[in-house]
Amino acid sequence: MKLYGEFTKHDWLQAFRIDEKDVPSAMIVHGAWEHETNLQQWKQILRETTWNPHWNCVVGHWKHELIGFANVFGGPSAAVICHQFASLGTRWFIQTGYFGGLSRNVQFGDIFIVTGAEMADGVSHWYLPDQQMVQADIQLVEAAVQFCEKKQYRYVTGTVFTTGAIMVETKEMAEAWAQKGHIGVDMETATTLAVAKKFGKKAVALLNLSDHIIKGDTFYTVDPDQQKKKRETDEKIRELAIYLSTSFNDLP
């Protein structure tokens, strides 16, 4: 009897009852609460839906490219998606979602292109033992930067602290993470990068500022102008995520 950690590509194809042609070349992994809203939005984007791997996941076509979208929350659910699809042969993993700001230099409206993540999520160490940091794929980072510069989208690059328990955050914790030089804190990036690295795949994270915690903001700080900027940045990140998901399939 095999358990999940022993499953091969063939085992996963059988488990999902799919053929190899049904495996997306890229998976966009979005970390957020609003599962149903985000899933319905991506079903509209990927209009030629081919199959639904899970309740929170859809695979379909963007023009002529087969890509997937999954809405997750936290490391464990991100790991399930990334592990299964990396095993199936998906090559590119684009983490999107939100971060709490740890730098006074980052602003609402910036796209945070993550270059690396500190692994405090409780999941990534199962994939990369004895590591504290995991790096994003440099090719994807550079492509994201070039895209933003061409489109004149504001962006920042740097590292993120990935936690597994945002509700225990304190001012002292945030200040300690900021002193390490992290731009922000999130719940999924280290997981996605680590799983991709374990399977020899490429991954990057593109994040949107949700709350500027180093300035005392929380999820419950409501500012109409900030909300407008977040919505606009979400649209830009979706555009960038689709670009990265569909631009490198001819590469070895």
Foldseek 3Di string as FASTA:
>chain_A
DDDPVPDALVNLCVVQVHDLVQQFQEEEEEADDPQVVVQVVVCVQQVAWDDASDPQKTWHDRDNGIYMYGYDHFQVVLLVVLLSSLRNPHFEYEYEYAWAFLDPPDDAQAKEWEQKEFPARVALCVQVPPDGMFGADPVLSVLLVVVCVVVVGHYDYYYEYAHNDPPVDDLVNSNVVVVVVHGGYGGHDSNNRSSCVSSVHGYIYIYGYQFHVNVPTDNPDDDPVSVVSRVVSVVVVVVSVVCSSPPCPVPD
